[in-house]
Amino acid sequence: MKRLLLIAALIAAAPAASYAQHGPDYGRPSYGGGRGDQDAARAAVRGGRQVPLSQVIATISARTPGRQLNTTQGDAGGRPAYFVQWQTNDGRVIIFVVDAQSGAIISRQGG
């Protein structure tokens, strides 16, 4: 009986220990940037290591009229990059991959 109580207590404590060690998002799938990623991106822009997203959107808009649907950050070829989902005025959707340090469009997919 004592053994069962001990096992039950260990099982109950395991998620709490994992939560304390890894935080509230541990074990959840990652679907893009979280608050920490946004803060890191802002710090990179303030530090001059990354161009602001507004500049990236202006560059894309000048080249391809339309509107921004969504943007995420990641890396492309080992460099930080913006992935901008863009809808053209005629309804086509294009994903622009933009170097976050220089603001240069690396590639485009779709559309």
N, C-alpha and C. Protein backbone atom coordinates (compact mmCIF):
# COMPACT_ATOMS: atom_id res chain seq x y z
N MET A 1 0.82 -1.19 0.00
CA MET A 1 0.00 0.00 0.00
C MET A 1 0.87 1.26 0.00
N LYS A 2 1.92 1.24 0.86
CA LYS A 2 2.82 2.38 0.91
C LYS A 2 3.51 2.58 -0.45
N ARG A 3 3.83 1.48 -1.07
CA ARG A 3 4.49 1.54 -2.37
C ARG A 3 3.57 2.22 -3.40
N LEU A 4 2.29 1.88 -3.41
CA LEU A 4 1.33 2.51 -4.32
C LEU A 4 1.20 4.00 -4.06
N LEU A 5 1.17 4.38 -2.81
CA LEU A 5 1.10 5.81 -2.46
C LEU A 5 2.36 6.55 -2.92
N LEU A 6 3.51 5.91 -2.76
CA LEU A 6 4.76 6.52 -3.19
C LEU A 6 4.78 6.70 -4.71
N ILE A 7 4.35 5.69 -5.44
CA ILE A 7 4.30 5.77 -6.91
C ILE A 7 3.33 6.86 -7.35
N ALA A 8 2.16 6.92 -6.72
CA ALA A 8 1.17 7.94 -7.05
C ALA A 8 1.70 9.33 -6.77
N ALA A 9 2.42 9.51 -5.67
CA ALA A 9 2.99 10.82 -5.34
C ALA A 9 4.06 11.22 -6.34
N LEU A 10 4.89 10.27 -6.76
CA LEU A 10 5.93 10.57 -7.76
C LEU A 10 5.32 10.95 -9.11
N ILE A 11 4.29 10.24 -9.50
CA ILE A 11 3.62 10.54 -10.76
C ILE A 11 2.98 11.92 -10.70
N ALA A 12 2.36 12.25 -9.59
CA ALA A 12 1.71 13.55 -9.44
C ALA A 12 2.73 14.68 -9.44
N ALA A 13 3.92 14.44 -8.89
CA ALA A 13 4.94 15.48 -8.79
C ALA A 13 5.69 15.69 -10.11
N ALA A 14 5.70 14.72 -10.99
CA ALA A 14 6.49 14.81 -12.23
C ALA A 14 6.08 15.98 -13.11
N PRO A 15 4.79 16.21 -13.39
CA PRO A 15 4.44 17.36 -14.22
C PRO A 15 4.82 18.69 -13.56
N ALA A 16 4.68 18.77 -12.24
CA ALA A 16 5.03 20.01 -11.55
C ALA A 16 6.53 20.28 -11.66
N ALA A 17 7.34 19.23 -11.53
CA ALA A 17 8.78 19.39 -11.64
C ALA A 17 9.16 19.81 -13.06
N SER A 18 8.54 19.20 -14.04
CA SER A 18 8.81 19.55 -15.44
C SER A 18 8.40 20.99 -15.72
N TYR A 19 7.25 21.39 -15.20
CA TYR A 19 6.77 22.76 -15.37
C TYR A 19 7.74 23.75 -14.76
N ALA A 20 8.20 23.44 -13.55
CA ALA A 20 9.12 24.35 -12.86
C ALA A 20 10.44 24.46 -13.61
N GLN A 21 10.90 23.36 -14.17
CA GLN A 21 12.19 23.36 -14.86
C GLN A 21 12.10 23.99 -16.25
N HIS A 22 11.03 23.71 -16.99
CA HIS A 22 10.96 24.12 -18.39
C HIS A 22 9.99 25.25 -18.69
N GLY A 23 9.09 25.57 -17.81
CA GLY A 23 8.15 26.65 -18.03
C GLY A 23 6.81 26.15 -18.54
N PRO A 24 5.85 27.06 -18.68
CA PRO A 24 4.47 26.67 -19.00
C PRO A 24 4.27 26.13 -20.41
N ASP A 25 5.19 26.40 -21.34
CA ASP A 25 5.00 25.95 -22.72
C ASP A 25 5.74 24.66 -23.02
N TYR A 26 6.37 24.06 -22.01
CA TYR A 26 7.12 22.82 -22.23
C TYR A 26 6.18 21.72 -22.68
N GLY A 27 6.56 21.04 -23.76
CA GLY A 27 5.76 19.94 -24.27
C GLY A 27 4.70 20.36 -25.26
N ARG A 28 4.46 21.63 -25.39
CA ARG A 28 3.48 22.11 -26.37
C ARG A 28 4.16 22.31 -27.71
N PRO A 29 3.44 22.07 -28.81
CA PRO A 29 4.06 22.31 -30.11
C PRO A 29 4.28 23.81 -30.34
N SER A 30 5.31 24.14 -31.09
CA SER A 30 5.61 25.53 -31.40
C SER A 30 5.11 25.85 -32.81
N TYR A 31 4.23 26.83 -32.90
CA TYR A 31 3.66 27.21 -34.20
C TYR A 31 4.19 28.54 -34.67
N GLY A 32 5.28 29.00 -34.17
CA GLY A 32 5.82 30.28 -34.60
C GLY A 32 6.38 31.01 -33.40
N GLY A 33 6.64 32.29 -33.60
CA GLY A 33 7.26 33.07 -32.55
C GLY A 33 6.36 33.29 -31.36
N GLY A 34 6.94 33.29 -30.23
CA GLY A 34 6.23 33.61 -29.01
C GLY A 34 6.65 34.97 -28.53
N ARG A 35 6.23 35.32 -27.35
CA ARG A 35 6.55 36.63 -26.78
C ARG A 35 8.06 36.85 -26.70
N GLY A 36 8.78 35.81 -26.30
CA GLY A 36 10.23 35.93 -26.20
C GLY A 36 10.88 36.21 -27.55
N ASP A 37 10.34 35.60 -28.61
CA ASP A 37 10.86 35.85 -29.95
C ASP A 37 10.60 37.29 -30.38
N GLN A 38 9.45 37.81 -30.04
CA GLN A 38 9.13 39.20 -30.38
C GLN A 38 10.07 40.16 -29.65
N ASP A 39 10.31 39.88 -28.38
CA ASP A 39 11.22 40.73 -27.61
C ASP A 39 12.63 40.67 -28.18
N ALA A 40 13.07 39.48 -28.58
CA ALA A 40 14.40 39.32 -29.17
C ALA A 40 14.50 40.08 -30.49
N ALA A 41 13.44 40.03 -31.29
CA ALA A 41 13.43 40.74 -32.57
C ALA A 41 13.49 42.25 -32.34
N ARG A 42 12.72 42.75 -31.38
CA ARG A 42 12.76 44.19 -31.08
C ARG A 42 14.16 44.61 -30.63
N ALA A 43 14.78 43.80 -29.79
CA ALA A 43 16.13 44.11 -29.31
C ALA A 43 17.12 44.11 -30.48
N ALA A 44 16.97 43.18 -31.41
CA ALA A 44 17.86 43.12 -32.58
C ALA A 44 17.69 44.36 -33.45
N VAL A 45 16.45 44.82 -33.61
CA VAL A 45 16.20 46.03 -34.41
C VAL A 45 16.81 47.24 -33.70
N ARG A 46 16.57 47.36 -32.38
CA ARG A 46 17.12 48.47 -31.62
C ARG A 46 18.65 48.46 -31.65
N GLY A 47 19.24 47.28 -31.65
CA GLY A 47 20.69 47.16 -31.66
C GLY A 47 21.31 47.29 -33.04
N GLY A 48 20.48 47.46 -34.07
CA GLY A 48 20.99 47.62 -35.42
C GLY A 48 21.41 46.33 -36.09
N ARG A 49 21.05 45.19 -35.49
CA ARG A 49 21.43 43.90 -36.07
C ARG A 49 20.38 43.39 -37.04
N GLN A 50 19.23 44.04 -37.09
CA GLN A 50 18.12 43.59 -37.92
C GLN A 50 17.35 44.80 -38.41
N VAL A 51 16.83 44.72 -39.63
CA VAL A 51 16.01 45.82 -40.13
C VAL A 51 14.59 45.67 -39.57
N PRO A 52 13.89 46.77 -39.37
CA PRO A 52 12.52 46.66 -38.85
C PRO A 52 11.58 46.05 -39.89
N LEU A 53 10.57 45.37 -39.39
CA LEU A 53 9.58 44.74 -40.27
C LEU A 53 8.91 45.77 -41.17
N SER A 54 8.68 46.98 -40.67
CA SER A 54 8.03 48.02 -41.48
C SER A 54 8.85 48.31 -42.74
N GLN A 55 10.16 48.27 -42.64
CA GLN A 55 11.02 48.49 -43.81
C GLN A 55 10.89 47.33 -44.79
N VAL A 56 10.81 46.11 -44.27
CA VAL A 56 10.65 44.93 -45.12
C VAL A 56 9.33 45.01 -45.87
N ILE A 57 8.26 45.37 -45.17
CA ILE A 57 6.93 45.48 -45.80
C ILE A 57 6.94 46.57 -46.88
N ALA A 58 7.60 47.69 -46.61
CA ALA A 58 7.68 48.76 -47.61
C ALA A 58 8.42 48.30 -48.86
N THR A 59 9.50 47.54 -48.68
CA THR A 59 10.27 47.01 -49.82
C THR A 59 9.41 46.07 -50.66
N ILE A 60 8.71 45.16 -49.98
CA ILE A 60 7.86 44.21 -50.71
C ILE A 60 6.73 44.94 -51.42
N SER A 61 6.11 45.89 -50.73
CA SER A 61 4.98 46.63 -51.30
C SER A 61 5.39 47.42 -52.54
N ALA A 62 6.58 48.00 -52.54
CA ALA A 62 7.06 48.76 -53.69
C ALA A 62 7.30 47.84 -54.89
N ARG A 63 7.67 46.61 -54.60
CA ARG A 63 7.98 45.65 -55.66
C ARG A 63 6.74 44.91 -56.15
N THR A 64 5.86 44.57 -55.20
CA THR A 64 4.68 43.77 -55.51
C THR A 64 3.48 44.35 -54.77
N PRO A 65 2.67 45.16 -55.42
CA PRO A 65 1.51 45.75 -54.73
C PRO A 65 0.60 44.67 -54.14
N GLY A 66 0.13 44.92 -52.94
CA GLY A 66 -0.74 43.98 -52.26
C GLY A 66 -0.78 44.27 -50.78
N ARG A 67 -0.97 43.19 -49.98
CA ARG A 67 -1.04 43.39 -48.53
C ARG A 67 -0.41 42.22 -47.80
N GLN A 68 0.08 42.53 -46.60
CA GLN A 68 0.69 41.53 -45.74
C GLN A 68 -0.41 40.70 -45.08
N LEU A 69 -0.27 39.38 -45.14
CA LEU A 69 -1.21 38.50 -44.46
C LEU A 69 -0.66 38.04 -43.12
N ASN A 70 0.62 37.66 -43.11
CA ASN A 70 1.23 37.11 -41.91
C ASN A 70 2.74 37.19 -42.04
N THR A 71 3.42 37.25 -40.91
CA THR A 71 4.88 37.24 -40.92
C THR A 71 5.39 36.42 -39.75
N THR A 72 6.40 35.61 -40.01
CA THR A 72 7.09 34.88 -38.96
C THR A 72 8.57 35.09 -39.13
N GLN A 73 9.34 34.72 -38.12
CA GLN A 73 10.79 34.81 -38.21
C GLN A 73 11.39 33.44 -38.04
N GLY A 74 12.50 33.24 -38.67
CA GLY A 74 13.23 31.99 -38.56
C GLY A 74 14.61 32.22 -39.12
N ASP A 75 15.18 31.18 -39.71
CA ASP A 75 16.43 31.41 -40.40
C ASP A 75 16.42 30.72 -41.74
N ALA A 76 17.16 31.32 -42.64
CA ALA A 76 17.30 30.80 -44.01
C ALA A 76 18.78 30.76 -44.31
N GLY A 77 19.28 29.59 -44.54
CA GLY A 77 20.71 29.44 -44.81
C GLY A 77 21.58 29.85 -43.64
N GLY A 78 21.07 29.67 -42.43
CA GLY A 78 21.85 30.01 -41.24
C GLY A 78 21.81 31.47 -40.84
N ARG A 79 21.01 32.27 -41.55
CA ARG A 79 20.89 33.70 -41.23
C ARG A 79 19.46 34.00 -40.79
N PRO A 80 19.28 34.98 -39.90
CA PRO A 80 17.92 35.33 -39.50
C PRO A 80 17.13 35.85 -40.69
N ALA A 81 15.87 35.46 -40.76
CA ALA A 81 15.04 35.85 -41.91
C ALA A 81 13.61 36.11 -41.49
N TYR A 82 12.96 36.99 -42.24
CA TYR A 82 11.52 37.19 -42.14
C TYR A 82 10.87 36.34 -43.23
N PHE A 83 9.77 35.69 -42.90
CA PHE A 83 8.96 34.96 -43.87
C PHE A 83 7.63 35.69 -43.95
N VAL A 84 7.42 36.42 -45.02
CA VAL A 84 6.26 37.29 -45.15
C VAL A 84 5.26 36.68 -46.13
N GLN A 85 4.07 36.39 -45.63
CA GLN A 85 2.99 35.90 -46.48
C GLN A 85 2.28 37.13 -47.03
N TRP A 86 2.22 37.22 -48.35
CA TRP A 86 1.76 38.43 -49.04
C TRP A 86 0.66 38.07 -50.03
N GLN A 87 -0.40 38.87 -50.06
CA GLN A 87 -1.47 38.67 -51.04
C GLN A 87 -1.42 39.81 -52.05
N THR A 88 -1.29 39.46 -53.33
CA THR A 88 -1.25 40.47 -54.38
C THR A 88 -2.67 41.02 -54.61
N ASN A 89 -2.74 42.11 -55.33
CA ASN A 89 -4.04 42.73 -55.60
C ASN A 89 -4.98 41.84 -56.39
N ASP A 90 -4.42 40.87 -57.14
CA ASP A 90 -5.28 39.96 -57.89
C ASP A 90 -5.55 38.65 -57.13
N GLY A 91 -5.16 38.60 -55.84
CA GLY A 91 -5.52 37.47 -54.99
C GLY A 91 -4.48 36.37 -54.87
N ARG A 92 -3.38 36.44 -55.60
CA ARG A 92 -2.34 35.42 -55.47
C ARG A 92 -1.62 35.58 -54.13
N VAL A 93 -1.14 34.47 -53.57
CA VAL A 93 -0.41 34.51 -52.30
C VAL A 93 1.04 34.11 -52.56
N ILE A 94 1.95 34.94 -52.05
CA ILE A 94 3.39 34.74 -52.23
C ILE A 94 4.03 34.76 -50.85
N ILE A 95 4.99 33.87 -50.65
CA ILE A 95 5.80 33.90 -49.43
C ILE A 95 7.15 34.51 -49.81
N PHE A 96 7.46 35.65 -49.22
CA PHE A 96 8.76 36.29 -49.43
C PHE A 96 9.67 35.90 -48.28
N VAL A 97 10.89 35.48 -48.60
CA VAL A 97 11.90 35.20 -47.60
C VAL A 97 12.88 36.37 -47.68
N VAL A 98 13.00 37.10 -46.56
CA VAL A 98 13.78 38.34 -46.54
C VAL A 98 14.88 38.23 -45.49
N ASP A 99 16.10 38.54 -45.88
CA ASP A 99 17.22 38.55 -44.94
C ASP A 99 16.95 39.62 -43.88
N ALA A 100 16.89 39.23 -42.63
CA ALA A 100 16.53 40.16 -41.56
C ALA A 100 17.65 41.15 -41.26
N GLN A 101 18.88 40.83 -41.61
CA GLN A 101 19.99 41.75 -41.33
C GLN A 101 20.13 42.83 -42.39
N SER A 102 19.92 42.47 -43.65
CA SER A 102 20.10 43.45 -44.72
C SER A 102 18.79 44.00 -45.28
N GLY A 103 17.71 43.25 -45.12
CA GLY A 103 16.43 43.64 -45.70
C GLY A 103 16.27 43.20 -47.14
N ALA A 104 17.24 42.47 -47.67
CA ALA A 104 17.19 42.01 -49.06
C ALA A 104 16.26 40.80 -49.19
N ILE A 105 15.48 40.80 -50.26
CA ILE A 105 14.61 39.65 -50.54
C ILE A 105 15.50 38.51 -51.05
N ILE A 106 15.47 37.39 -50.32
CA ILE A 106 16.29 36.23 -50.68
C ILE A 106 15.60 35.40 -51.73
N SER A 107 14.30 35.15 -51.51
CA SER A 107 13.54 34.34 -52.46
C SER A 107 12.06 34.61 -52.28
N ARG A 108 11.31 34.07 -53.22
CA ARG A 108 9.85 34.12 -53.14
C ARG A 108 9.29 32.79 -53.60
N GLN A 109 8.20 32.39 -52.96
CA GLN A 109 7.59 31.11 -53.29
C GLN A 109 6.11 31.34 -53.53
N GLY A 110 5.58 30.65 -54.52
CA GLY A 110 4.16 30.77 -54.83
C GLY A 110 3.89 31.92 -55.77
N GLY A 111 2.58 32.21 -55.90
CA GLY A 111 2.10 33.34 -56.66
C GLY A 111 2.44 33.30 -58.08
